[in-house]
């Protein structure tokens, strides 16, 4: 059964959707969620709930479903994700393989670069992600 995704109005709603998405490893639904969610609201919606599994399903969803259609949105999400509470903790716990997935997404962003971000923007964001 496909999850119905609408824009979450608060951190609780967002958390409920994330838990459902994560339980089913539903990357398409996660991509829908990230498409309807204003990137600027991400740190507030995530509150202190960011963890490795969630971080990775975000990365994978953005890579598989969003970067080809809207690289600007992906850049914005990565930018605001880095402002979320626990971001540094999650980053520190990523395996080499998981770091490579993040690198792949950044590579796709530089290949699909558009007017919404410059390659310099991308390079400085990569440093934040310790790539």
Protein backbone atom coordinates (compact mmCIF):
# COMPACT_ATOMS: atom_id res chain seq x y z
CA UNK A 1 0.00 0.00 0.00
CA UNK A 2 1.44 3.33 -1.07
CA UNK A 3 1.94 5.91 1.65
CA UNK A 4 -0.01 9.11 1.09
CA UNK A 5 2.33 12.00 1.60
CA UNK A 6 1.24 15.54 2.31
CA UNK A 7 3.31 18.36 3.69
CA UNK A 8 3.91 17.75 7.40
CA UNK A 9 2.83 20.69 9.54
CA UNK A 10 4.97 19.90 12.58
CA UNK A 11 7.85 17.80 13.86
CA UNK A 12 5.48 15.15 15.22
CA UNK A 13 3.76 14.61 11.83
CA UNK A 14 7.10 14.61 10.07
CA UNK A 15 8.44 12.04 12.55
CA UNK A 16 5.41 9.77 12.00
CA UNK A 17 5.87 9.86 8.22
CA UNK A 18 9.63 9.31 8.51
CA UNK A 19 9.08 6.29 10.76
CA UNK A 20 6.63 4.77 8.27
CA UNK A 21 8.92 5.51 5.33
CA UNK A 22 11.91 4.08 7.17
CA UNK A 23 10.08 0.94 8.34
CA UNK A 24 9.20 0.12 4.71
CA UNK A 25 12.48 1.48 3.31
CA UNK A 26 10.16 3.30 0.91
CA UNK A 27 12.52 5.58 -0.99
CA UNK A 28 9.83 6.74 -3.41
CA UNK A 29 7.59 7.88 -0.53
CA UNK A 30 10.59 9.52 1.12
CA UNK A 31 11.31 11.38 -2.13
CA UNK A 32 7.66 12.54 -2.17
CA UNK A 33 8.03 13.74 1.41
CA UNK A 34 11.21 15.68 0.61
CA UNK A 35 9.58 17.14 -2.49
CA UNK A 36 6.62 18.57 -0.54
CA UNK A 37 8.72 19.69 2.43
CA UNK A 38 10.30 23.14 2.39
CA UNK A 39 14.05 22.49 2.85
CA UNK A 40 14.32 25.49 5.20
CA UNK A 41 11.95 23.72 7.61
CA UNK A 42 14.00 20.52 7.68
CA UNK A 43 16.06 21.28 10.83
CA UNK A 44 12.91 22.17 12.78
CA UNK A 45 10.89 19.21 11.47
CA UNK A 46 13.70 16.78 12.23
CA UNK A 47 14.07 18.27 15.69
CA UNK A 48 16.59 16.02 17.51
CA UNK A 49 15.49 12.87 15.67
CA UNK A 50 18.13 12.71 12.95
CA UNK A 51 19.85 9.34 12.90
CA UNK A 52 21.95 7.33 10.48
CA UNK A 53 19.10 5.32 8.96
CA UNK A 54 17.05 8.43 8.28
CA UNK A 55 20.06 10.31 6.93
CA UNK A 56 20.78 7.47 4.48
CA UNK A 57 17.22 7.04 3.24
CA UNK A 58 17.19 10.82 2.60
CA UNK A 59 20.42 10.56 0.61
CA UNK A 60 19.20 7.53 -1.37
CA UNK A 61 15.79 9.04 -2.09
CA UNK A 62 17.32 12.29 -3.29
CA UNK A 63 19.75 10.34 -5.46
CA UNK A 64 17.25 7.91 -7.01
CA UNK A 65 14.21 10.12 -7.43
CA UNK A 66 14.92 13.81 -7.11
CA UNK A 67 18.37 14.83 -8.38
CA UNK A 68 17.51 14.11 -12.05
CA UNK A 69 14.37 16.25 -11.87
CA UNK A 70 15.34 19.02 -9.48
CA UNK A 71 19.01 19.28 -8.52
CA UNK A 72 18.36 22.69 -6.92
CA UNK A 73 15.95 21.13 -4.44
CA UNK A 74 18.50 18.41 -3.62
CA UNK A 75 21.17 21.05 -2.97
CA UNK A 76 18.77 22.94 -0.67
CA UNK A 77 17.89 19.77 1.26
CA UNK A 78 21.56 18.85 1.71
CA UNK A 79 22.31 22.39 2.83
CA UNK A 80 19.55 22.48 5.47
CA UNK A 81 20.11 18.86 6.50
CA UNK A 82 23.60 19.93 7.55
CA UNK A 83 22.01 22.47 9.93
CA UNK A 84 19.95 19.80 11.71
CA UNK A 85 20.64 18.82 15.28
CA UNK A 86 22.76 15.64 15.49
CA UNK A 87 24.09 16.12 11.91
CA UNK A 88 27.74 16.00 13.05
CA UNK A 89 27.06 12.90 15.17
CA UNK A 90 25.40 11.06 12.29
CA UNK A 91 28.18 12.08 9.92
CA UNK A 92 30.83 10.78 12.30
CA UNK A 93 29.15 7.37 12.44
CA UNK A 94 28.83 6.80 8.68
CA UNK A 95 30.72 3.83 7.27
CA UNK A 96 33.07 4.19 4.31
CA UNK A 97 30.39 2.70 2.05
CA UNK A 98 27.75 5.13 3.34
CA UNK A 99 30.11 8.08 2.83
CA UNK A 100 30.54 6.92 -0.77
CA UNK A 101 26.76 7.13 -1.26
CA UNK A 102 26.84 10.74 -0.10
CA UNK A 103 29.79 11.41 -2.44
CA UNK A 104 27.80 9.89 -5.35
CA UNK A 105 24.94 12.30 -4.71
CA UNK A 106 27.37 15.24 -4.71
CA UNK A 107 28.86 13.96 -7.99
CA UNK A 108 25.38 13.91 -9.53
CA UNK A 109 24.81 17.44 -8.29
CA UNK A 110 27.94 18.70 -10.01
CA UNK A 111 26.97 16.88 -13.24
CA UNK A 112 23.44 18.33 -13.12
CA UNK A 113 24.53 21.74 -11.86
CA UNK A 114 21.99 24.50 -12.44
CA UNK A 115 21.53 28.19 -11.67
CA UNK A 116 20.32 27.52 -8.12
CA UNK A 117 23.81 26.76 -6.85
CA UNK A 118 27.36 27.24 -8.09
CA UNK A 119 30.14 24.68 -8.12
CA UNK A 120 31.79 26.78 -5.37
CA UNK A 121 28.62 26.41 -3.26
CA UNK A 122 28.80 22.68 -3.86
CA UNK A 123 32.46 22.49 -2.89
CA UNK A 124 31.90 24.31 0.40
CA UNK A 125 28.91 22.08 1.19
CA UNK A 126 31.05 19.01 0.48
CA UNK A 127 33.48 20.21 3.16
CA UNK A 128 30.58 20.41 5.63
CA UNK A 129 29.84 16.77 4.74
CA UNK A 130 33.56 16.03 5.23
CA UNK A 131 34.00 14.74 1.68
